[in-house]
Amino acid sequence: MRFKAEIDVMPLDALLDPQGKAVTSSMANIGLNAIDGVRIGRHVRLFVEADSSSSAEAMVEDACKKLLANQIMESYTFQVEQV
């Protein structure tokens, strides 16, 4: 079976996010004063061939832990669906 995984990787809340801070500062410059606390992360989409949804989730979890996210500085969430 084929599965699609949508993965979001974000900097940990306790860490500074220079990109997010720059965007937050720029919001006021374009008249969007009500927007603050911007955090910049990344989105990864990948496809997995697996026997089951739980097997696909385990592979995605492994990929996140070993390659896609630096767990010292980032957190991640993902969703897996059959396609």
N, C-alpha and C. Protein backbone atom coordinates (compact mmCIF):
# COMPACT_ATOMS: atom_id res chain seq x y z
N MET A 1 0.84 -1.18 0.00
CA MET A 1 0.00 0.00 0.00
C MET A 1 0.88 1.24 0.00
N ARG A 2 0.33 2.31 -0.53
CA ARG A 2 1.06 3.58 -0.61
C ARG A 2 0.42 4.57 0.36
N PHE A 3 1.29 5.26 1.10
CA PHE A 3 0.85 6.25 2.07
C PHE A 3 1.55 7.58 1.82
N LYS A 4 0.83 8.65 2.15
CA LYS A 4 1.41 9.99 2.08
C LYS A 4 1.57 10.50 3.51
N ALA A 5 2.74 11.04 3.81
CA ALA A 5 3.00 11.63 5.12
C ALA A 5 3.20 13.13 4.97
N GLU A 6 2.54 13.89 5.80
CA GLU A 6 2.71 15.35 5.88
C GLU A 6 3.37 15.63 7.22
N ILE A 7 4.57 16.19 7.19
CA ILE A 7 5.38 16.37 8.39
C ILE A 7 5.66 17.86 8.59
N ASP A 8 5.44 18.34 9.80
CA ASP A 8 5.79 19.71 10.17
C ASP A 8 6.91 19.68 11.20
N VAL A 9 7.98 20.41 10.91
CA VAL A 9 9.13 20.51 11.82
C VAL A 9 9.24 21.97 12.26
N MET A 10 9.27 22.18 13.57
CA MET A 10 9.30 23.53 14.12
C MET A 10 10.41 23.65 15.16
N PRO A 11 10.98 24.86 15.29
CA PRO A 11 11.95 25.06 16.37
C PRO A 11 11.25 24.94 17.72
N LEU A 12 11.96 24.42 18.70
CA LEU A 12 11.39 24.32 20.05
C LEU A 12 11.03 25.71 20.57
N ASP A 13 9.96 25.79 21.34
CA ASP A 13 9.50 27.08 21.86
C ASP A 13 10.55 27.77 22.72
N ALA A 14 11.37 26.99 23.40
CA ALA A 14 12.37 27.57 24.30
C ALA A 14 13.55 28.21 23.55
N LEU A 15 13.67 27.94 22.25
CA LEU A 15 14.79 28.46 21.47
C LEU A 15 14.40 29.70 20.68
N LEU A 16 15.39 30.55 20.44
CA LEU A 16 15.16 31.72 19.61
C LEU A 16 14.89 31.29 18.17
N ASP A 17 14.08 32.06 17.49
CA ASP A 17 13.78 31.82 16.08
C ASP A 17 14.04 33.13 15.34
N PRO A 18 15.26 33.35 14.86
CA PRO A 18 15.60 34.62 14.22
C PRO A 18 14.72 34.95 13.01
N GLN A 19 14.39 33.94 12.20
CA GLN A 19 13.52 34.19 11.05
C GLN A 19 12.14 34.63 11.51
N GLY A 20 11.60 33.93 12.49
CA GLY A 20 10.28 34.29 13.02
C GLY A 20 10.28 35.67 13.63
N LYS A 21 11.35 36.01 14.32
CA LYS A 21 11.46 37.34 14.93
C LYS A 21 11.50 38.43 13.86
N ALA A 22 12.24 38.20 12.78
CA ALA A 22 12.32 39.16 11.68
C ALA A 22 10.95 39.35 11.03
N VAL A 23 10.24 38.26 10.82
CA VAL A 23 8.90 38.36 10.21
C VAL A 23 7.95 39.07 11.15
N THR A 24 8.02 38.75 12.45
CA THR A 24 7.16 39.43 13.43
C THR A 24 7.40 40.93 13.40
N SER A 25 8.66 41.35 13.36
CA SER A 25 8.99 42.78 13.32
C SER A 25 8.46 43.43 12.05
N SER A 26 8.51 42.70 10.96
CA SER A 26 8.05 43.26 9.67
C SER A 26 6.54 43.40 9.62
N MET A 27 5.82 42.64 10.39
CA MET A 27 4.36 42.73 10.38
C MET A 27 3.89 44.14 10.73
N ALA A 28 4.52 44.75 11.72
CA ALA A 28 4.15 46.11 12.11
C ALA A 28 4.41 47.09 10.97
N ASN A 29 5.47 46.84 10.21
CA ASN A 29 5.82 47.74 9.11
C ASN A 29 4.80 47.73 7.98
N ILE A 30 4.04 46.65 7.87
CA ILE A 30 3.03 46.58 6.80
C ILE A 30 1.61 46.71 7.36
N GLY A 31 1.51 47.21 8.59
CA GLY A 31 0.21 47.51 9.17
C GLY A 31 -0.50 46.32 9.80
N LEU A 32 0.22 45.26 10.09
CA LEU A 32 -0.40 44.08 10.70
C LEU A 32 0.07 43.95 12.15
N ASN A 33 -0.22 44.98 12.94
CA ASN A 33 0.25 45.05 14.32
C ASN A 33 -0.33 43.96 15.21
N ALA A 34 -1.46 43.39 14.85
CA ALA A 34 -2.12 42.38 15.68
C ALA A 34 -1.45 41.00 15.55
N ILE A 35 -0.52 40.85 14.60
CA ILE A 35 0.16 39.56 14.42
C ILE A 35 1.49 39.60 15.15
N ASP A 36 1.70 38.60 15.99
CA ASP A 36 2.99 38.49 16.68
C ASP A 36 3.31 37.02 16.96
N GLY A 37 4.47 36.76 17.51
CA GLY A 37 4.85 35.40 17.86
C GLY A 37 5.03 34.46 16.68
N VAL A 38 5.49 35.00 15.55
CA VAL A 38 5.68 34.17 14.36
C VAL A 38 6.85 33.20 14.59
N ARG A 39 6.64 31.95 14.23
CA ARG A 39 7.68 30.92 14.29
C ARG A 39 7.78 30.32 12.88
N ILE A 40 8.98 30.19 12.38
CA ILE A 40 9.21 29.66 11.04
C ILE A 40 9.76 28.24 11.15
N GLY A 41 9.12 27.31 10.47
CA GLY A 41 9.57 25.92 10.44
C GLY A 41 9.60 25.45 9.00
N ARG A 42 9.42 24.15 8.81
CA ARG A 42 9.37 23.61 7.45
C ARG A 42 8.35 22.48 7.38
N HIS A 43 7.89 22.27 6.17
CA HIS A 43 6.90 21.23 5.91
C HIS A 43 7.52 20.24 4.93
N VAL A 44 7.39 18.96 5.23
CA VAL A 44 7.93 17.90 4.39
C VAL A 44 6.79 16.96 4.01
N ARG A 45 6.68 16.63 2.74
CA ARG A 45 5.72 15.64 2.27
C ARG A 45 6.52 14.49 1.67
N LEU A 46 6.16 13.28 2.04
CA LEU A 46 6.84 12.12 1.46
C LEU A 46 5.84 10.98 1.29
N PHE A 47 6.23 10.03 0.46
CA PHE A 47 5.39 8.86 0.20
C PHE A 47 6.11 7.62 0.67
N VAL A 48 5.34 6.68 1.22
CA VAL A 48 5.88 5.47 1.82
C VAL A 48 5.13 4.26 1.27
N GLU A 49 5.87 3.24 0.90
CA GLU A 49 5.28 1.94 0.57
C GLU A 49 5.36 1.09 1.83
N ALA A 50 4.21 0.64 2.34
CA ALA A 50 4.19 -0.15 3.57
C ALA A 50 3.00 -1.10 3.55
N ASP A 51 3.07 -2.11 4.41
CA ASP A 51 2.00 -3.11 4.49
C ASP A 51 0.77 -2.61 5.24
N SER A 52 0.97 -1.63 6.13
CA SER A 52 -0.13 -1.13 6.95
C SER A 52 0.13 0.32 7.34
N SER A 53 -0.91 0.95 7.84
CA SER A 53 -0.78 2.33 8.32
C SER A 53 0.20 2.43 9.48
N SER A 54 0.14 1.47 10.38
CA SER A 54 1.05 1.51 11.54
C SER A 54 2.50 1.32 11.11
N SER A 55 2.72 0.50 10.10
CA SER A 55 4.07 0.31 9.58
C SER A 55 4.58 1.59 8.91
N ALA A 56 3.71 2.25 8.16
CA ALA A 56 4.07 3.51 7.52
C ALA A 56 4.39 4.57 8.57
N GLU A 57 3.58 4.65 9.62
CA GLU A 57 3.81 5.62 10.69
C GLU A 57 5.15 5.35 11.37
N ALA A 58 5.48 4.09 11.58
CA ALA A 58 6.75 3.75 12.21
C ALA A 58 7.93 4.19 11.34
N MET A 59 7.81 4.02 10.02
CA MET A 59 8.89 4.45 9.12
C MET A 59 9.04 5.97 9.12
N VAL A 60 7.91 6.68 9.12
CA VAL A 60 7.95 8.14 9.14
C VAL A 60 8.55 8.63 10.46
N GLU A 61 8.16 8.02 11.55
CA GLU A 61 8.73 8.36 12.86
C GLU A 61 10.24 8.17 12.85
N ASP A 62 10.69 7.06 12.29
CA ASP A 62 12.12 6.77 12.20
C ASP A 62 12.84 7.82 11.35
N ALA A 63 12.24 8.18 10.22
CA ALA A 63 12.84 9.19 9.35
C ALA A 63 12.94 10.54 10.05
N CYS A 64 11.91 10.90 10.80
CA CYS A 64 11.93 12.17 11.53
C CYS A 64 13.03 12.17 12.59
N LYS A 65 13.11 11.10 13.34
CA LYS A 65 14.10 11.03 14.42
C LYS A 65 15.53 10.99 13.90
N LYS A 66 15.76 10.28 12.79
CA LYS A 66 17.12 10.06 12.31
C LYS A 66 17.61 11.11 11.31
N LEU A 67 16.68 11.79 10.61
CA LEU A 67 17.12 12.66 9.53
C LEU A 67 16.40 13.99 9.44
N LEU A 68 15.09 13.99 9.55
CA LEU A 68 14.32 15.19 9.21
C LEU A 68 14.28 16.25 10.30
N ALA A 69 14.44 15.86 11.55
CA ALA A 69 14.37 16.84 12.65
C ALA A 69 15.55 16.65 13.59
N ASN A 70 16.12 17.77 14.01
CA ASN A 70 17.15 17.76 15.04
C ASN A 70 16.42 17.87 16.38
N GLN A 71 16.29 16.77 17.09
CA GLN A 71 15.46 16.74 18.28
C GLN A 71 15.98 17.60 19.42
N ILE A 72 17.22 18.05 19.34
CA ILE A 72 17.75 18.96 20.35
C ILE A 72 17.15 20.35 20.17
N MET A 73 16.87 20.70 18.91
CA MET A 73 16.42 22.06 18.60
C MET A 73 15.01 22.13 18.00
N GLU A 74 14.46 20.99 17.59
CA GLU A 74 13.19 21.01 16.86
C GLU A 74 12.23 19.94 17.37
N SER A 75 10.95 20.22 17.15
CA SER A 75 9.91 19.23 17.39
C SER A 75 9.25 18.93 16.05
N TYR A 76 8.53 17.84 15.97
CA TYR A 76 7.84 17.50 14.73
C TYR A 76 6.50 16.84 15.02
N THR A 77 5.61 16.99 14.08
CA THR A 77 4.33 16.28 14.09
C THR A 77 4.11 15.77 12.68
N PHE A 78 3.33 14.71 12.55
CA PHE A 78 3.03 14.22 11.21
C PHE A 78 1.69 13.52 11.17
N GLN A 79 1.16 13.43 9.95
CA GLN A 79 -0.06 12.68 9.67
C GLN A 79 0.24 11.78 8.48
N VAL A 80 -0.28 10.57 8.55
CA VAL A 80 -0.10 9.60 7.47
C VAL A 80 -1.48 9.19 6.98
N GLU A 81 -1.64 9.19 5.66
CA GLU A 81 -2.91 8.73 5.08
C GLU A 81 -2.63 7.87 3.84
N GLN A 82 -3.52 6.92 3.63
CA GLN A 82 -3.35 6.05 2.47
C GLN A 82 -3.78 6.81 1.22
N VAL A 83 -2.99 6.63 0.15
CA VAL A 83 -3.34 7.28 -1.13
C VAL A 83 -3.54 6.24 -2.22
